[in-house]
Amino acid sequence: MTCGACQQPVFHGRFFAAGRCEFCHPQRRRRWTSCAQCRAWYGGNRPTCSGCTGWRYRHPPGTCRECGSVFFVRDEHCRACWVQARILEDADLTEGQVRVDPRPYFARIARTGYQLEIGGLKRTTQLLNPRWRYRELQPAPPATVARQPESWEQLRLFDSGRDYRRFRKTDHADLDNPYLAAALGLADRKAELCGWSPELLRLTRRGLIAVLSGHQAGEAVRYSELVPLYADRKISVTRVSEVLQEAGLLDDDRPDSFEVWLVRRTQDLAPEIGEDVRRWLRAVHRGGPRRRPRSRSSSWGFMSAAHSTLLDWSGRYSHLREVTRADVKAAFDAHQGWRRKELHISLRSLFTHLRREKVIFQNPTTGIKAGAYPLPPILPLPQECYTDAVTAATTPEQQVLLVLTVVHAARRPSIKALTVDDLDLPGRAITIGGHTRPLDELTHQVIHEYLLHRHRRWPHTPNRHLLITRVTAHGHEPVSDYWCHLQFAGRRASLEQMRIDRQLEEALAGGGDPRRLAAIFGISEFTAVRYASAARALMANTLESPPPSTTTRP
């Protein structure tokens, strides 16, 4: 007789109803028995303990070289031999030492035999305290890395890169290195503060051991030398570099991505013009005397708006001093609408900076107005757009994004900056962008379910932002714009279009009252008047129905 679930033969007295054996039946009872593989005494409902059950999914089947048992083996040894070898290695450890490699102890198993144990205890101890194995074996490291004084120093003949992929723990590990001991202590404290998982802490410690085992005074670890470790051993380069940076041992030799982008975008311009443009965008990005630094998106927008005009001038002039007022007017006349407005802002900022730095004699944009351009009409979205968005919102993160946009008309920066401190679930209130508003039942239910999901997945995260990902869960930064864009990419309507439609819907419901819109959503008077005017026009039937793929600008 064979069990219908595990396809194993069922012995007499071990058969339950529904064609399942004692181990596979849904109403099975917990019993204490001996593991069929490692011989550990454990309480469970399967023929093998939890350790051996997970062992069989990670290693191929074979015959153990030491005990001859036919089971899933690692390096030709079964799990029972590996467990016994670790027990023998732990017995030889002295204070301050950690496990290195239990393979040399396989030969001693025939003389010592197998130590019987109760299965499942080590896993339970690891869950309660992920660093159980290190507390009693390692002394408390100092708070900072103290460089050891040297009476002499061997000068480096030439500078060559290191290949940490060739590191082998059995041959190259130097656990007595003071820099390594201090870095491991910093990693433990950082893991406790930032809520790292046991697996992330293990990989970070593994990377620190590979990098700092042979570290000497005066040396620095290059970031470019850490990158191959991820592809070779799946080590978190970001966490290892954070620990090394805090210890003062990291040489961040990565090129500045902004400078790389700046050189690439200005390489097709004339040399003198390109140099002036680079100085201008650096001042925009980094700031200066009486000038606040701007975000990278501002530099990208300035360059995107003015690149075609600068490229045209590079074909005729060698320096921006040769650009006349007529050239600026001709560039403005070649564009219309908001593109003309963006070009006017970019060129005015460029020539104002050059005039301030005394690179040019006169600002050719002085007194030139871009002029007002007609704003596109605000039209309602069809119902199919919302049906498509609701169908696509399958994860808790997507549902929070959708409900905050559709119900509360929250912008993307406000949603990214939203923290758990801005929520008042018992009081049914939420603060978005500094504006407190009541919390409806749908939003309350969606946020409550997401918070439960957030706590189950990242119970020890230090990030106070409401929306977090696997990248931001171990830090303090918000989610990226690209992540928010990907949640509803390729749908019929974007989040921004649904936000605009929500404000238009409220304007229609309030009879086109701008004060009502400003009080509900906390928007400016100009924006409220614009939505109120669009609502009155729609109620007067002066606008046509929009096509399904309408693109509007707020």
Protein backbone atom coordinates (compact mmCIF):
# COMPACT_ATOMS: atom_id res chain seq x y z
CA MET A 1 0.00 0.00 0.00
CA THR A 2 1.38 3.42 -1.02
CA CYS A 3 0.60 6.88 0.34
CA GLY A 4 -1.08 9.15 -2.19
CA ALA A 5 0.92 12.23 -1.11
CA CYS A 6 4.53 11.13 -0.59
CA GLN A 7 4.32 7.90 -2.67
CA GLN A 8 6.05 5.96 0.12
CA PRO A 9 4.99 2.46 1.27
CA VAL A 10 2.67 2.53 4.30
CA PHE A 11 3.36 0.01 7.05
CA HIS A 12 0.68 -1.67 9.14
CA GLY A 13 -0.88 0.62 11.73
CA ARG A 14 0.43 3.82 10.11
CA PHE A 15 -2.34 4.49 7.62
CA PHE A 16 -4.92 7.24 8.03
CA ALA A 17 -8.01 8.01 5.98
CA ALA A 18 -8.15 9.77 2.59
CA GLY A 19 -5.28 7.67 1.20
CA ARG A 20 -2.54 9.40 3.21
CA CYS A 21 0.00 8.03 5.66
CA GLU A 22 0.62 9.19 9.21
CA PHE A 23 3.19 11.79 8.09
CA CYS A 24 1.14 13.39 5.29
CA HIS A 25 -2.37 13.43 6.72
CA PRO A 26 -3.66 16.98 7.42
CA GLN A 27 -4.86 15.91 10.91
CA ARG A 28 -1.59 14.28 11.89
CA ARG A 29 -0.42 14.55 15.49
CA ARG A 30 3.00 15.72 16.59
CA ARG A 31 5.14 12.84 17.85
CA TRP A 32 8.71 12.36 19.04
CA THR A 33 10.85 10.01 17.01
CA SER A 34 14.39 9.55 15.65
CA CYS A 35 15.43 11.15 12.37
CA ALA A 36 15.96 8.56 9.66
CA GLN A 37 19.16 10.28 8.47
CA CYS A 38 21.04 12.16 11.22
CA ARG A 39 19.57 10.02 14.07
CA ALA A 40 18.60 13.14 16.07
CA TRP A 41 15.63 12.91 18.46
CA TYR A 42 13.03 15.43 17.32
CA GLY A 43 9.34 16.23 17.53
CA GLY A 44 7.61 16.35 14.17
CA ASN A 45 5.41 14.65 11.63
CA ARG A 46 7.94 13.71 8.94
CA PRO A 47 10.46 10.87 8.64
CA THR A 48 13.37 13.35 8.81
CA CYS A 49 14.06 16.43 10.92
CA SER A 50 13.83 19.95 9.53
CA GLY A 51 17.61 20.14 9.02
CA CYS A 52 17.75 17.00 6.90
CA THR A 53 14.60 18.04 5.02
CA GLY A 54 16.28 21.27 3.92
CA TRP A 55 19.58 19.43 3.29
CA ARG A 56 18.02 17.26 0.58
CA TYR A 57 16.94 20.30 -1.46
CA ARG A 58 20.44 21.85 -1.47
CA HIS A 59 22.71 18.88 -2.17
CA PRO A 60 22.75 15.98 -4.67
CA PRO A 61 22.13 12.34 -3.68
CA GLY A 62 25.06 10.00 -3.15
CA THR A 63 26.90 7.68 -0.79
CA CYS A 64 28.74 9.04 2.24
CA ARG A 65 32.46 8.25 2.18
CA GLU A 66 32.71 8.05 5.99
CA CYS A 67 29.62 6.15 7.19
CA GLY A 68 28.45 4.61 3.91
CA SER A 69 24.84 5.83 4.21
CA VAL A 70 22.97 6.54 1.01
CA PHE A 71 21.61 10.07 1.31
CA PHE A 72 22.10 13.57 -0.07
CA VAL A 73 25.77 14.44 0.39
CA ARG A 74 27.98 17.52 0.35
CA ASP A 75 31.60 16.91 -0.64
CA GLU A 76 30.88 13.12 -0.40
CA HIS A 77 29.73 13.33 3.24
CA CYS A 78 26.21 13.17 4.64
CA ARG A 79 24.69 15.66 7.05
CA ALA A 80 25.24 13.43 10.10
CA CYS A 81 29.00 13.44 9.44
CA TRP A 82 29.03 17.20 8.91
CA VAL A 83 27.18 17.75 12.21
CA GLN A 84 29.58 15.48 14.08
CA ALA A 85 32.60 17.18 12.50
CA ARG A 86 31.32 20.59 13.66
CA ILE A 87 30.86 19.21 17.17
CA LEU A 88 34.47 17.99 17.21
CA GLU A 89 35.69 21.34 15.85
CA ASP A 90 33.76 23.26 18.53
CA ALA A 91 35.40 21.12 21.20
CA ASP A 92 38.88 22.20 20.03
CA LEU A 93 38.05 25.94 19.86
CA THR A 94 39.59 28.22 22.41
CA GLU A 95 38.34 31.61 23.58
CA GLY A 96 38.27 34.17 20.80
CA GLN A 97 38.23 31.62 17.94
CA VAL A 98 35.42 30.86 15.49
CA ARG A 99 34.68 27.97 13.18
CA VAL A 100 36.83 27.77 10.08
CA ASP A 101 36.46 24.39 8.33
CA PRO A 102 35.23 21.06 9.80
CA ARG A 103 36.59 18.88 6.97
CA PRO A 104 39.80 17.83 8.81
CA TYR A 105 37.64 16.28 11.55
CA PHE A 106 35.95 13.73 9.28
CA ALA A 107 38.75 11.23 9.94
CA ARG A 108 38.13 11.35 13.71
CA ILE A 109 34.47 10.35 13.47
CA ALA A 110 35.34 6.64 13.26
CA ARG A 111 37.09 6.85 16.66
CA THR A 112 34.67 9.16 18.48
CA GLY A 113 31.37 7.97 17.05
CA TYR A 114 28.27 10.12 16.74
CA GLN A 115 26.97 12.41 19.46
CA LEU A 116 23.21 12.04 19.74
CA GLU A 117 21.29 15.32 20.01
CA ILE A 118 17.81 16.79 19.97
CA GLY A 119 16.97 18.21 16.56
CA GLY A 120 15.56 21.68 16.04
CA LEU A 121 17.22 23.35 19.01
CA LYS A 122 19.96 25.13 17.05
CA ARG A 123 17.51 26.57 14.55
CA THR A 124 15.27 27.86 17.38
CA THR A 125 18.25 29.49 19.06
CA GLN A 126 19.28 31.18 15.81
CA LEU A 127 15.78 32.62 15.32
CA LEU A 128 15.73 34.05 18.83
CA ASN A 129 19.29 35.39 18.62
CA PRO A 130 20.92 35.44 15.14
CA ARG A 131 24.38 36.02 16.61
CA TRP A 132 24.29 33.13 19.08
CA ARG A 133 27.49 31.56 17.83
CA TYR A 134 29.58 34.72 18.06
CA ARG A 135 28.72 36.12 21.48
CA GLU A 136 30.63 33.60 23.54
CA LEU A 137 33.46 33.07 21.06
CA GLN A 138 34.42 36.65 20.19
CA PRO A 139 35.54 39.38 22.58
CA ALA A 140 33.81 42.75 22.43
CA PRO A 141 35.59 44.72 19.65
CA PRO A 142 36.49 48.39 20.07
CA ALA A 143 34.05 51.03 18.86
CA THR A 144 36.44 52.35 16.19
CA VAL A 145 39.34 50.94 14.26
CA ALA A 146 42.57 51.88 15.97
CA ARG A 147 45.61 51.78 13.71
CA GLN A 148 48.48 49.86 15.19
CA PRO A 149 51.78 51.78 15.41
CA GLU A 150 54.56 50.26 13.37
CA SER A 151 58.25 50.67 13.93
CA TRP A 152 58.90 50.26 10.22
CA GLU A 153 56.81 50.07 7.10
CA GLN A 154 57.38 48.19 3.86
CA LEU A 155 56.83 50.65 1.01
CA ARG A 156 54.74 49.45 -1.92
CA LEU A 157 56.80 48.99 -5.07
CA PHE A 158 53.87 49.56 -7.44
CA ASP A 159 50.12 49.92 -7.09
CA SER A 160 48.20 46.85 -8.25
CA GLY A 161 44.61 45.80 -7.77
CA ARG A 162 43.52 42.92 -5.56
CA ASP A 163 41.38 40.01 -6.69
CA TYR A 164 39.36 38.95 -3.64
CA ARG A 165 37.68 36.20 -5.65
CA ARG A 166 40.79 34.07 -5.13
CA PHE A 167 40.30 34.20 -1.35
CA ARG A 168 39.83 30.83 0.36
CA LYS A 169 38.83 30.81 4.00
CA THR A 170 40.77 27.67 4.86
CA ASP A 171 44.03 29.03 3.43
CA HIS A 172 43.88 32.82 3.76
CA ALA A 173 41.59 33.64 6.72
CA ASP A 174 43.31 35.68 9.46
CA LEU A 175 40.69 36.04 12.18
CA ASP A 176 43.22 37.56 14.62
CA ASN A 177 43.63 40.67 12.46
CA PRO A 178 42.65 43.70 14.63
CA TYR A 179 41.11 45.53 11.67
CA LEU A 180 38.96 42.50 10.85
CA ALA A 181 37.83 42.07 14.46
CA ALA A 182 36.84 45.74 14.71
CA ALA A 183 34.99 45.65 11.36
CA LEU A 184 33.06 42.53 12.41
CA GLY A 185 32.02 44.31 15.58
CA LEU A 186 30.82 47.29 13.57
CA ALA A 187 28.85 44.95 11.29
CA ASP A 188 27.14 43.31 14.28
CA ARG A 189 26.09 46.64 15.75
CA LYS A 190 24.96 47.96 12.36
CA ALA A 191 22.90 44.82 11.79
CA GLU A 192 21.19 45.27 15.14
CA LEU A 193 20.43 48.95 14.49
CA CYS A 194 19.31 48.55 10.87
CA GLY A 195 17.43 45.26 11.24
CA TRP A 196 19.57 43.12 8.92
CA SER A 197 18.42 39.57 8.39
CA PRO A 198 20.69 36.73 9.62
CA GLU A 199 21.50 35.84 6.00
CA LEU A 200 22.52 39.41 5.16
CA LEU A 201 24.71 39.60 8.27
CA ARG A 202 26.34 36.28 7.37
CA LEU A 203 27.17 37.43 3.84
CA THR A 204 28.49 40.77 5.13
CA ARG A 205 30.77 39.04 7.64
CA ARG A 206 31.91 36.69 4.90
CA GLY A 207 32.84 39.62 2.70
CA LEU A 208 34.69 41.41 5.53
CA ILE A 209 36.71 38.26 6.27
CA ALA A 210 37.69 37.99 2.61
CA VAL A 211 38.68 41.66 2.37
CA LEU A 212 40.38 42.35 5.72
CA SER A 213 42.13 39.08 6.54
CA GLY A 214 45.49 40.35 5.28
CA HIS A 215 44.89 44.05 5.89
CA GLN A 216 47.84 46.11 7.11
CA ALA A 217 48.28 49.59 8.52
CA GLY A 218 47.97 52.42 6.01
CA GLU A 219 46.09 50.39 3.40
CA ALA A 220 42.65 51.17 2.00
CA VAL A 221 40.16 48.90 0.26
CA ARG A 222 38.99 50.16 -3.14
CA TYR A 223 35.33 50.01 -3.97
CA SER A 224 36.09 48.77 -7.49
CA GLU A 225 37.82 45.72 -5.97
CA LEU A 226 34.67 44.81 -4.03
CA VAL A 227 32.32 44.73 -7.04
CA PRO A 228 33.48 41.30 -8.39
CA LEU A 229 32.57 39.72 -5.03
CA TYR A 230 28.85 40.05 -5.76
CA ALA A 231 29.02 38.17 -9.07
CA ASP A 232 31.32 35.50 -7.62
CA ARG A 233 29.93 34.93 -4.11
CA LYS A 234 26.69 36.97 -3.93
CA ILE A 235 28.14 39.18 -1.20
CA SER A 236 26.33 42.45 -0.52
CA VAL A 237 28.89 44.98 -1.72
CA THR A 238 26.74 47.86 -0.47
CA ARG A 239 26.69 46.62 3.15
CA VAL A 240 30.38 45.70 3.14
CA SER A 241 31.29 49.14 1.82
CA GLU A 242 29.12 50.80 4.50
CA VAL A 243 31.01 48.99 7.25
CA LEU A 244 34.38 49.79 5.66
CA GLN A 245 33.37 53.44 5.24
CA GLU A 246 32.39 53.68 8.91
CA ALA A 247 35.69 52.05 9.88
CA GLY A 248 37.68 54.48 7.71
CA LEU A 249 39.12 51.74 5.50
CA LEU A 250 37.29 52.39 2.21
CA ASP A 251 38.69 54.17 -0.84
CA ASP A 252 35.61 55.05 -2.90
CA ASP A 253 37.13 55.23 -6.37
CA ARG A 254 33.82 55.17 -8.23
CA PRO A 255 33.54 57.92 -10.85
CA ASP A 256 31.00 60.64 -10.20
CA SER A 257 27.92 59.68 -12.22
CA PHE A 258 26.98 63.33 -12.62
CA GLU A 259 30.38 64.16 -14.13
CA VAL A 260 30.15 61.15 -16.44
CA TRP A 261 26.75 62.29 -17.66
CA LEU A 262 27.93 65.89 -18.00
CA VAL A 263 30.91 64.99 -20.16
CA ARG A 264 28.82 62.70 -22.33
CA ARG A 265 26.13 65.33 -22.96
CA THR A 266 28.58 68.14 -23.80
CA GLN A 267 31.11 66.23 -25.88
CA ASP A 268 29.41 67.16 -29.17
CA LEU A 269 29.48 70.91 -28.39
CA ALA A 270 32.25 73.33 -29.28
CA PRO A 271 35.15 73.13 -26.77
CA GLU A 272 34.68 76.63 -25.34
CA ILE A 273 30.91 76.37 -25.26
CA GLY A 274 31.07 72.91 -23.70
CA GLU A 275 33.38 74.16 -20.94
CA ASP A 276 31.04 77.06 -20.13
CA VAL A 277 28.03 74.73 -20.05
CA ARG A 278 29.83 72.30 -17.72
CA ARG A 279 30.73 75.10 -15.28
CA TRP A 280 27.12 76.29 -15.34
CA LEU A 281 25.58 72.86 -14.64
CA ARG A 282 28.13 72.16 -11.87
CA ALA A 283 27.08 75.40 -10.20
CA VAL A 284 23.42 74.43 -10.56
CA HIS A 285 24.01 70.99 -9.08
CA ARG A 286 26.49 71.84 -6.30
CA GLY A 287 25.49 75.41 -5.54
CA GLY A 288 27.85 78.22 -4.65
CA PRO A 289 28.02 81.62 -2.96
CA ARG A 290 24.46 82.85 -2.47
CA ARG A 291 23.14 79.93 -4.54
CA ARG A 292 21.46 76.81 -3.22
CA PRO A 293 22.28 73.43 -4.78
CA ARG A 294 19.59 71.89 -6.97
CA SER A 295 18.71 68.29 -7.61
CA ARG A 296 20.09 66.31 -10.52
CA SER A 297 16.72 66.39 -12.23
CA SER A 298 17.04 70.18 -12.51
CA SER A 299 20.35 69.85 -14.36
CA TRP A 300 18.90 67.15 -16.58
CA GLY A 301 15.91 69.33 -17.43
CA PHE A 302 18.05 72.40 -18.18
CA MET A 303 20.32 70.42 -20.48
CA SER A 304 17.46 68.62 -22.21
CA ALA A 305 15.74 71.92 -23.02
CA ALA A 306 18.84 73.78 -24.24
CA HIS A 307 20.89 71.02 -25.90
CA SER A 308 19.52 71.42 -29.43
CA THR A 309 19.98 75.20 -29.30
CA LEU A 310 23.53 74.90 -27.95
CA LEU A 311 24.36 72.34 -30.62
CA ASP A 312 23.13 74.74 -33.32
CA TRP A 313 25.23 77.58 -31.90
CA SER A 314 28.30 75.30 -31.72
CA GLY A 315 28.15 74.93 -35.50
CA ARG A 316 28.30 78.71 -35.98
CA TYR A 317 30.22 80.07 -33.00
CA SER A 318 33.20 79.00 -30.93
CA HIS A 319 32.21 80.85 -27.74
CA LEU A 320 28.96 81.98 -26.08
CA ARG A 321 30.24 85.57 -26.11
CA GLU A 322 29.40 85.61 -29.82
CA VAL A 323 25.70 84.84 -29.25
CA THR A 324 23.54 87.92 -29.90
CA ARG A 325 20.08 88.94 -28.82
CA ALA A 326 18.76 88.09 -32.29
CA ASP A 327 20.07 84.50 -31.93
CA VAL A 328 18.22 84.11 -28.63
CA LYS A 329 14.97 85.45 -30.12
CA ALA A 330 15.32 83.13 -33.11
CA ALA A 331 15.79 80.15 -30.76
CA PHE A 332 12.65 81.12 -28.82
CA ASP A 333 10.62 81.56 -32.00
CA ALA A 334 11.50 78.01 -33.10
CA HIS A 335 9.59 76.58 -30.09
CA GLN A 336 6.05 76.93 -28.85
CA GLY A 337 4.10 76.31 -25.67
CA TRP A 338 5.80 74.82 -22.63
CA ARG A 339 8.92 73.90 -24.64
CA ARG A 340 9.49 77.60 -25.33
CA LYS A 341 9.01 78.30 -21.61
CA GLU A 342 11.56 75.64 -20.56
CA LEU A 343 14.10 76.90 -23.13
CA HIS A 344 13.66 80.44 -21.81
CA ILE A 345 14.30 79.30 -18.22
CA SER A 346 17.41 77.29 -19.22
CA LEU A 347 19.05 80.01 -21.36
CA ARG A 348 18.27 82.71 -18.81
CA SER A 349 19.95 80.62 -16.09
CA LEU A 350 22.96 79.89 -18.35
CA PHE A 351 23.67 83.47 -19.39
CA THR A 352 22.96 84.85 -15.89
CA HIS A 353 25.62 82.51 -14.50
CA LEU A 354 28.13 83.45 -17.20
CA ARG A 355 27.48 87.15 -16.61
CA ARG A 356 27.96 86.70 -12.87
CA GLU A 357 31.25 84.90 -13.46
CA LYS A 358 32.31 87.68 -15.92
CA VAL A 359 32.69 85.24 -18.80
CA ILE A 360 30.45 87.30 -21.11
CA PHE A 361 30.08 91.08 -21.34
CA GLN A 362 26.29 91.30 -21.67
CA ASN A 363 23.35 88.98 -20.97
CA PRO A 364 21.47 88.52 -24.28
CA THR A 365 18.33 87.19 -22.54
CA THR A 366 17.71 90.38 -20.53
CA GLY A 367 14.26 91.81 -21.23
CA ILE A 368 13.10 88.90 -23.42
CA LYS A 369 9.84 87.34 -22.23
CA ALA A 370 8.79 83.81 -23.01
CA GLY A 371 5.13 84.78 -23.00
CA ALA A 372 2.18 82.89 -21.63
CA TYR A 373 1.09 79.73 -23.34
CA PRO A 374 -2.39 78.18 -23.20
CA LEU A 375 -2.67 75.34 -20.74
CA PRO A 376 -4.16 72.10 -22.09
CA PRO A 377 -7.74 71.41 -21.02
CA ILE A 378 -8.35 69.10 -18.08
CA LEU A 379 -10.63 66.28 -19.22
CA PRO A 380 -12.05 63.35 -17.25
CA LEU A 381 -10.66 59.86 -17.72
CA PRO A 382 -12.85 56.99 -18.90
CA GLN A 383 -13.86 54.30 -16.42
CA GLU A 384 -11.76 51.69 -18.24
CA CYS A 385 -8.58 53.40 -16.98
CA TYR A 386 -9.56 52.83 -13.35
CA THR A 387 -10.64 49.26 -14.03
CA ASP A 388 -7.28 48.54 -15.59
CA ALA A 389 -5.40 50.14 -12.63
CA VAL A 390 -7.41 48.20 -10.02
CA THR A 391 -6.76 44.94 -11.89
CA ALA A 392 -3.01 45.68 -12.00
CA ALA A 393 -2.79 46.52 -8.26
CA THR A 394 -2.04 43.02 -6.94
CA THR A 395 0.62 43.76 -4.30
CA PRO A 396 0.10 45.71 -1.03
CA GLU A 397 2.53 48.39 -2.21
CA GLN A 398 0.61 48.94 -5.44
CA GLN A 399 -2.67 49.15 -3.56
CA VAL A 400 -1.30 51.84 -1.22
CA LEU A 401 0.02 53.84 -4.17
CA LEU A 402 -3.29 53.58 -5.99
CA VAL A 403 -5.53 54.48 -3.06
CA LEU A 404 -3.42 57.47 -2.01
CA THR A 405 -3.48 58.77 -5.58
CA VAL A 406 -7.09 58.09 -6.49
CA VAL A 407 -8.72 58.92 -3.15
CA HIS A 408 -6.45 61.63 -1.72
CA ALA A 409 -4.91 62.99 -4.97
CA ALA A 410 -1.42 62.77 -3.45
CA ARG A 411 1.57 63.57 -5.61
CA ARG A 412 4.42 61.13 -6.04
CA PRO A 413 6.94 63.14 -3.91
CA SER A 414 4.39 63.40 -1.10
CA ILE A 415 3.73 59.65 -1.17
CA LYS A 416 7.46 58.90 -1.13
CA ALA A 417 8.01 61.22 1.85
CA LEU A 418 5.08 59.79 3.81
CA THR A 419 6.21 58.15 7.09
CA VAL A 420 4.47 55.96 9.62
CA ASP A 421 4.44 58.94 11.99
CA ASP A 422 2.08 60.73 9.57
CA LEU A 423 -0.56 58.03 10.12
CA ASP A 424 -3.15 58.16 12.88
CA LEU A 425 -5.13 54.98 12.33
CA PRO A 426 -7.08 55.10 15.64
CA GLY A 427 -7.95 58.74 15.00
CA ARG A 428 -8.68 58.09 11.32
CA ALA A 429 -6.38 60.88 10.05
CA ILE A 430 -3.41 61.12 7.68
CA THR A 431 -0.97 63.96 7.00
CA ILE A 432 0.13 64.27 3.36
CA GLY A 433 2.50 67.09 2.46
CA GLY A 434 1.84 68.87 5.76
CA HIS A 435 -1.94 68.85 5.19
CA THR A 436 -3.98 66.73 7.62
CA ARG A 437 -7.11 65.14 6.21
CA PRO A 438 -9.59 62.49 7.44
CA LEU A 439 -8.93 58.83 6.65
CA ASP A 440 -11.75 57.04 4.87
CA GLU A 441 -12.60 53.38 5.40
CA LEU A 442 -11.02 52.13 2.16
CA THR A 443 -7.71 53.89 2.78
CA HIS A 444 -7.73 52.75 6.41
CA GLN A 445 -8.19 49.11 5.41
CA VAL A 446 -5.55 49.17 2.65
CA ILE A 447 -2.92 50.88 4.83
CA HIS A 448 -3.69 48.57 7.76
CA GLU A 449 -3.18 45.45 5.61
CA TYR A 450 0.01 46.91 4.15
CA LEU A 451 1.42 47.66 7.62
CA LEU A 452 0.82 44.04 8.63
CA HIS A 453 2.60 42.88 5.47
CA ARG A 454 5.43 45.36 6.12
CA HIS A 455 5.91 44.09 9.67
CA ARG A 456 5.89 40.44 8.64
CA ARG A 457 8.49 40.94 5.92
CA TRP A 458 10.75 43.52 7.62
CA PRO A 459 10.08 43.29 11.38
CA HIS A 460 13.29 45.10 12.39
CA THR A 461 13.57 47.76 9.67
CA PRO A 462 14.78 51.19 10.89
CA ASN A 463 13.18 52.98 7.91
CA ARG A 464 10.30 55.20 9.04
CA HIS A 465 8.92 55.76 5.53
CA LEU A 466 5.60 54.12 4.83
CA LEU A 467 6.60 52.59 1.50
CA ILE A 468 9.83 50.58 1.59
CA THR A 469 11.42 47.97 -0.66
CA ARG A 470 14.06 45.31 -0.19
CA VAL A 471 16.65 47.95 -1.09
CA THR A 472 15.47 50.71 1.27
CA ALA A 473 14.35 48.45 4.14
CA HIS A 474 17.87 48.36 5.61
CA GLY A 475 18.45 52.13 5.41
CA HIS A 476 16.61 55.39 5.92
CA GLU A 477 16.02 56.66 2.37
CA PRO A 478 12.62 56.67 0.59
CA VAL A 479 11.74 54.63 -2.46
CA SER A 480 12.92 55.89 -5.84
CA ASP A 481 10.87 57.58 -8.56
CA TYR A 482 11.72 54.74 -10.91
CA TRP A 483 10.23 52.18 -8.52
CA CYS A 484 7.01 54.21 -8.26
CA HIS A 485 6.87 54.48 -12.05
CA LEU A 486 7.30 50.73 -12.56
CA GLN A 487 4.31 49.83 -10.38
CA PHE A 488 1.83 51.03 -13.03
CA ALA A 489 4.03 51.26 -16.12
CA GLY A 490 2.28 50.36 -19.37
CA ARG A 491 -1.26 50.86 -18.03
CA ARG A 492 -3.95 52.92 -19.73
CA ALA A 493 -3.48 55.84 -17.33
CA SER A 494 -0.56 56.86 -15.15
CA LEU A 495 -0.77 57.79 -11.49
CA GLU A 496 -0.40 61.47 -12.36
CA GLN A 497 -3.36 61.33 -14.77
CA MET A 498 -5.53 59.64 -12.13
CA ARG A 499 -4.50 62.27 -9.57
CA ILE A 500 -5.57 65.07 -11.92
CA ASP A 501 -8.85 63.29 -12.61
CA ARG A 502 -9.52 62.92 -8.87
CA GLN A 503 -9.20 66.67 -8.31
CA LEU A 504 -11.42 67.35 -11.32
CA GLU A 505 -14.02 64.94 -9.94
CA GLU A 506 -14.02 66.77 -6.59
CA ALA A 507 -14.38 70.09 -8.42
CA LEU A 508 -17.42 68.73 -10.28
CA ALA A 509 -18.92 67.41 -7.05
CA GLY A 510 -18.45 70.79 -5.33
CA GLY A 511 -19.98 72.84 -8.12
CA GLY A 512 -16.65 74.38 -9.18
CA ASP A 513 -15.84 75.94 -5.79
CA PRO A 514 -12.04 76.66 -5.67
CA ARG A 515 -12.05 77.23 -1.92
CA ARG A 516 -13.40 73.73 -1.38
CA LEU A 517 -10.59 72.23 -3.47
CA ALA A 518 -7.90 74.20 -1.64
CA ALA A 519 -9.29 73.09 1.73
CA ILE A 520 -9.56 69.40 0.81
CA PHE A 521 -6.31 68.83 -1.08
CA GLY A 522 -4.14 71.69 0.21
CA ILE A 523 -3.37 72.98 -3.30
CA SER A 524 -2.56 76.56 -4.27
CA GLU A 525 -5.16 79.16 -5.22
CA PHE A 526 -4.07 79.23 -8.88
CA THR A 527 -4.41 75.44 -9.21
CA ALA A 528 -7.75 75.44 -7.43
CA VAL A 529 -9.11 78.15 -9.74
CA ARG A 530 -7.91 76.23 -12.80
CA TYR A 531 -9.69 73.03 -11.74
CA ALA A 532 -12.81 74.99 -10.82
CA SER A 533 -12.86 76.64 -14.25
CA ALA A 534 -12.48 73.26 -15.96
CA ALA A 535 -15.36 71.88 -13.88
CA ARG A 536 -17.64 74.78 -14.78
CA ALA A 537 -16.78 74.33 -18.47
CA LEU A 538 -17.61 70.62 -18.29
CA MET A 539 -20.87 71.30 -16.51
CA ALA A 540 -21.76 73.81 -19.24
CA ASN A 541 -20.99 71.15 -21.89
CA THR A 542 -18.47 73.36 -23.66
CA LEU A 543 -15.81 70.63 -23.96
CA GLU A 544 -15.91 67.50 -26.03
CA SER A 545 -15.50 64.02 -24.63
CA PRO A 546 -11.82 62.94 -24.33
CA PRO A 547 -10.30 60.08 -26.29
CA PRO A 548 -9.28 56.97 -24.29
CA SER A 549 -5.54 57.87 -24.34
CA THR A 550 -5.69 61.55 -23.28
CA THR A 551 -2.43 63.03 -21.97
CA THR A 552 -2.76 66.16 -19.82
CA ARG A 553 -0.38 68.36 -17.93
CA PRO A 554 -1.31 69.75 -14.48
